[in-house]
N, C-alpha and C. Protein backbone atom coordinates (compact mmCIF):
# COMPACT_ATOMS: atom_id res chain seq x y z
N MET A 1 -34.89 -155.10 -44.63
CA MET A 1 -35.51 -153.61 -45.74
C MET A 1 -35.67 -152.30 -45.51
N TRP A 2 -35.00 -150.54 -45.34
CA TRP A 2 -35.07 -150.05 -44.72
C TRP A 2 -36.23 -149.28 -45.51
N GLN A 3 -37.32 -148.68 -44.16
CA GLN A 3 -38.69 -147.81 -45.04
C GLN A 3 -38.68 -146.32 -44.32
N PRO A 4 -39.26 -145.49 -45.23
CA PRO A 4 -39.43 -144.25 -44.74
C PRO A 4 -39.77 -143.84 -43.20
N ILE A 5 -39.28 -143.69 -42.72
CA ILE A 5 -39.32 -143.07 -41.22
C ILE A 5 -41.27 -142.67 -41.46
N GLU A 6 -41.42 -142.27 -41.96
CA GLU A 6 -43.33 -141.86 -42.21
C GLU A 6 -44.08 -143.31 -41.81
N THR A 7 -43.59 -144.90 -42.16
CA THR A 7 -44.53 -146.18 -41.68
C THR A 7 -43.84 -146.01 -40.56
N TYR A 8 -42.87 -145.87 -39.46
CA TYR A 8 -42.84 -146.37 -38.67
C TYR A 8 -44.04 -146.88 -37.73
N PRO A 9 -43.48 -147.50 -37.14
CA PRO A 9 -45.15 -148.78 -36.21
C PRO A 9 -45.36 -147.64 -34.73
N TYR A 10 -45.56 -146.61 -34.75
CA TYR A 10 -45.93 -145.36 -34.01
C TYR A 10 -47.06 -146.47 -32.72
N ASN A 11 -47.76 -147.15 -33.08
CA ASN A 11 -48.36 -147.86 -32.75
C ASN A 11 -47.59 -149.29 -31.89
N HIS A 12 -47.07 -149.60 -32.08
CA HIS A 12 -45.62 -150.37 -31.33
C HIS A 12 -44.63 -149.90 -30.14
N PRO A 13 -44.88 -148.72 -29.36
CA PRO A 13 -43.87 -147.61 -29.02
C PRO A 13 -43.35 -148.94 -27.93
N PHE A 14 -43.20 -149.85 -27.35
CA PHE A 14 -42.06 -150.70 -26.85
C PHE A 14 -40.97 -151.88 -28.12
N ASN A 15 -41.72 -152.15 -28.70
CA ASN A 15 -40.56 -152.86 -30.08
C ASN A 15 -39.04 -151.74 -30.25
N HIS A 16 -38.12 -151.94 -30.30
CA HIS A 16 -36.35 -151.59 -30.80
C HIS A 16 -36.38 -151.68 -32.11
N TYR A 17 -36.05 -150.62 -32.78
CA TYR A 17 -35.78 -151.16 -34.28
C TYR A 17 -34.25 -150.41 -34.98
N LEU A 18 -34.12 -150.53 -35.80
CA LEU A 18 -32.58 -149.87 -36.19
C LEU A 18 -33.19 -148.75 -37.12
N LEU A 19 -32.37 -147.27 -36.82
CA LEU A 19 -32.78 -146.59 -36.74
C LEU A 19 -31.99 -145.46 -37.82
N CYS A 20 -31.83 -145.31 -39.00
CA CYS A 20 -30.51 -144.31 -39.23
C CYS A 20 -31.16 -142.65 -39.68
N HIS A 21 -30.22 -142.26 -40.39
CA HIS A 21 -30.21 -140.56 -40.59
C HIS A 21 -29.96 -140.98 -42.52
N LYS A 22 -30.13 -140.39 -43.14
CA LYS A 22 -30.33 -140.94 -44.52
C LYS A 22 -28.44 -140.21 -45.25
N GLU A 23 -28.82 -138.52 -45.14
CA GLU A 23 -28.07 -137.84 -44.70
C GLU A 23 -26.80 -137.06 -44.29
N ASN A 24 -27.08 -137.88 -43.19
CA ASN A 24 -25.85 -137.36 -41.38
C ASN A 24 -25.00 -138.92 -41.80
N LYS A 25 -25.93 -139.74 -42.48
CA LYS A 25 -25.06 -141.16 -42.80
C LYS A 25 -24.89 -142.10 -41.26
N TRP A 26 -26.12 -142.35 -40.57
CA TRP A 26 -25.58 -143.11 -38.85
C TRP A 26 -26.74 -143.88 -38.84
N ILE A 27 -26.24 -145.06 -38.25
CA ILE A 27 -27.24 -146.16 -37.89
C ILE A 27 -27.37 -146.06 -36.56
N ARG A 28 -28.15 -146.28 -36.24
CA ARG A 28 -28.59 -146.97 -34.88
C ARG A 28 -29.92 -147.53 -33.78
N PHE A 29 -29.17 -148.13 -32.80
CA PHE A 29 -30.62 -149.25 -32.73
C PHE A 29 -31.67 -147.99 -31.37
N GLY A 30 -33.02 -148.14 -31.09
CA GLY A 30 -33.29 -147.44 -30.65
C GLY A 30 -35.10 -147.70 -30.73
N ARG A 31 -36.64 -146.29 -30.46
CA ARG A 31 -37.48 -146.31 -30.25
C ARG A 31 -37.69 -144.92 -30.12
N TRP A 32 -39.07 -144.35 -30.33
CA TRP A 32 -39.43 -143.31 -30.31
C TRP A 32 -40.52 -143.82 -29.10
N TYR A 33 -40.50 -142.88 -28.36
CA TYR A 33 -40.64 -142.61 -26.65
C TYR A 33 -42.01 -141.14 -26.86
N PRO A 34 -43.80 -142.45 -26.99
CA PRO A 34 -44.96 -141.25 -27.06
C PRO A 34 -45.14 -140.63 -26.08
N GLN A 35 -44.55 -140.88 -24.37
CA GLN A 35 -44.50 -139.62 -23.36
C GLN A 35 -43.90 -138.40 -23.33
N GLN A 36 -42.48 -138.99 -24.09
CA GLN A 36 -42.06 -137.76 -24.12
C GLN A 36 -41.62 -137.23 -25.51
N LYS A 37 -42.60 -138.06 -26.58
CA LYS A 37 -42.95 -137.20 -28.13
C LYS A 37 -41.10 -137.46 -28.22
N GLU A 38 -40.22 -137.73 -28.09
CA GLU A 38 -39.00 -137.78 -28.46
C GLU A 38 -38.36 -139.88 -29.00
N TRP A 39 -36.99 -139.18 -30.12
CA TRP A 39 -36.32 -140.40 -30.48
C TRP A 39 -35.48 -140.59 -29.22
N TYR A 40 -35.99 -141.98 -29.01
CA TYR A 40 -34.11 -142.27 -28.14
C TYR A 40 -33.15 -143.44 -28.23
N TYR A 41 -32.33 -143.14 -28.91
CA TYR A 41 -31.41 -144.68 -29.54
C TYR A 41 -29.94 -144.32 -29.09
N SER A 42 -29.66 -145.81 -29.55
CA SER A 42 -27.97 -145.52 -28.85
C SER A 42 -27.09 -144.32 -29.60
N GLY A 43 -25.25 -144.37 -28.83
CA GLY A 43 -24.69 -143.32 -29.56
C GLY A 43 -25.41 -141.90 -29.76
N THR A 44 -26.26 -141.65 -29.03
CA THR A 44 -25.98 -139.59 -29.06
C THR A 44 -25.37 -139.35 -28.57
N ASN A 45 -24.94 -138.80 -28.18
CA ASN A 45 -23.46 -138.49 -26.60
C ASN A 45 -23.46 -139.91 -25.10
N GLU A 46 -22.65 -139.42 -24.15
CA GLU A 46 -21.91 -140.00 -23.00
C GLU A 46 -23.33 -139.78 -22.26
N ARG A 47 -24.23 -138.47 -21.79
CA ARG A 47 -24.85 -138.37 -21.22
C ARG A 47 -26.15 -138.64 -21.48
N SER A 48 -26.48 -138.25 -22.70
CA SER A 48 -27.94 -138.59 -23.08
C SER A 48 -28.10 -139.36 -24.24
N GLN A 49 -29.32 -140.09 -24.23
CA GLN A 49 -29.46 -140.64 -25.40
C GLN A 49 -30.14 -140.45 -26.22
N TRP A 50 -31.19 -139.06 -26.12
CA TRP A 50 -32.22 -138.63 -26.65
C TRP A 50 -31.63 -138.06 -27.58
N ALA A 51 -32.64 -137.83 -28.74
CA ALA A 51 -32.13 -136.95 -30.42
C ALA A 51 -32.52 -135.79 -29.62
N GLN A 52 -31.57 -134.82 -29.52
CA GLN A 52 -31.76 -133.43 -29.05
C GLN A 52 -31.50 -132.66 -30.58
N VAL A 53 -30.74 -132.85 -31.32
CA VAL A 53 -30.54 -131.65 -31.90
C VAL A 53 -32.06 -131.82 -33.28
N LYS A 54 -32.44 -130.77 -33.70
CA LYS A 54 -33.34 -130.18 -34.80
C LYS A 54 -32.68 -131.27 -35.83
N GLY A 55 -33.61 -132.06 -36.65
CA GLY A 55 -32.88 -132.34 -38.25
C GLY A 55 -31.89 -133.52 -38.11
N ASP A 56 -31.59 -134.09 -36.58
CA ASP A 56 -31.30 -135.12 -36.51
C ASP A 56 -31.86 -136.46 -36.03
N GLU A 57 -33.37 -136.19 -36.93
CA GLU A 57 -34.22 -137.23 -35.99
C GLU A 57 -34.06 -138.60 -37.09
N PRO A 58 -34.32 -139.49 -36.85
CA PRO A 58 -34.11 -140.70 -37.90
C PRO A 58 -35.19 -140.22 -39.14
N THR A 59 -34.69 -140.78 -40.12
CA THR A 59 -35.33 -140.30 -41.19
C THR A 59 -35.36 -142.64 -42.02
N HIS A 60 -35.20 -143.50 -41.63
CA HIS A 60 -35.55 -144.46 -42.09
C HIS A 60 -35.78 -145.36 -40.89
N TRP A 61 -36.29 -146.44 -40.84
CA TRP A 61 -36.27 -147.54 -40.25
C TRP A 61 -36.21 -148.78 -40.84
N MET A 62 -35.85 -150.18 -39.41
CA MET A 62 -36.27 -151.42 -40.02
C MET A 62 -35.69 -151.87 -38.93
N GLU A 63 -36.47 -153.39 -39.02
CA GLU A 63 -36.73 -154.38 -37.76
C GLU A 63 -35.54 -154.58 -37.79
N ILE A 64 -34.87 -154.88 -36.53
CA ILE A 64 -33.99 -155.79 -36.54
C ILE A 64 -33.72 -156.99 -36.87
N PRO A 65 -32.98 -157.83 -37.92
CA PRO A 65 -33.06 -158.95 -38.66
C PRO A 65 -32.56 -160.34 -37.53
N GLU A 66 -33.74 -161.31 -37.37
CA GLU A 66 -32.88 -162.24 -36.26
C GLU A 66 -31.14 -162.75 -36.58
N LEU A 67 -30.62 -163.19 -35.47
CA LEU A 67 -29.63 -163.57 -35.47
C LEU A 67 -29.13 -164.97 -36.26
N PRO A 68 -28.07 -165.05 -36.76
CA PRO A 68 -27.79 -166.26 -37.26
C PRO A 68 -28.44 -167.65 -35.98
N GLN A 69 -28.69 -169.03 -36.94
CA GLN A 69 -28.52 -170.03 -35.92
C GLN A 69 -27.56 -170.70 -35.44
């Protein structure tokens, strides 16, 4: 289930999650990097995976579901 980004588990910095932006309608795999204080996720562009555009930060997150058995 999607959670608001305000509830993101920042105290688990090495875990990856599914991230989304509700208005821009994207879903990506990534995480927060506390050292850089930036979001890092798949699909940003070919050369950089850091969220560089203001307002394009994730709005929601969820744990990655387990694979089917």
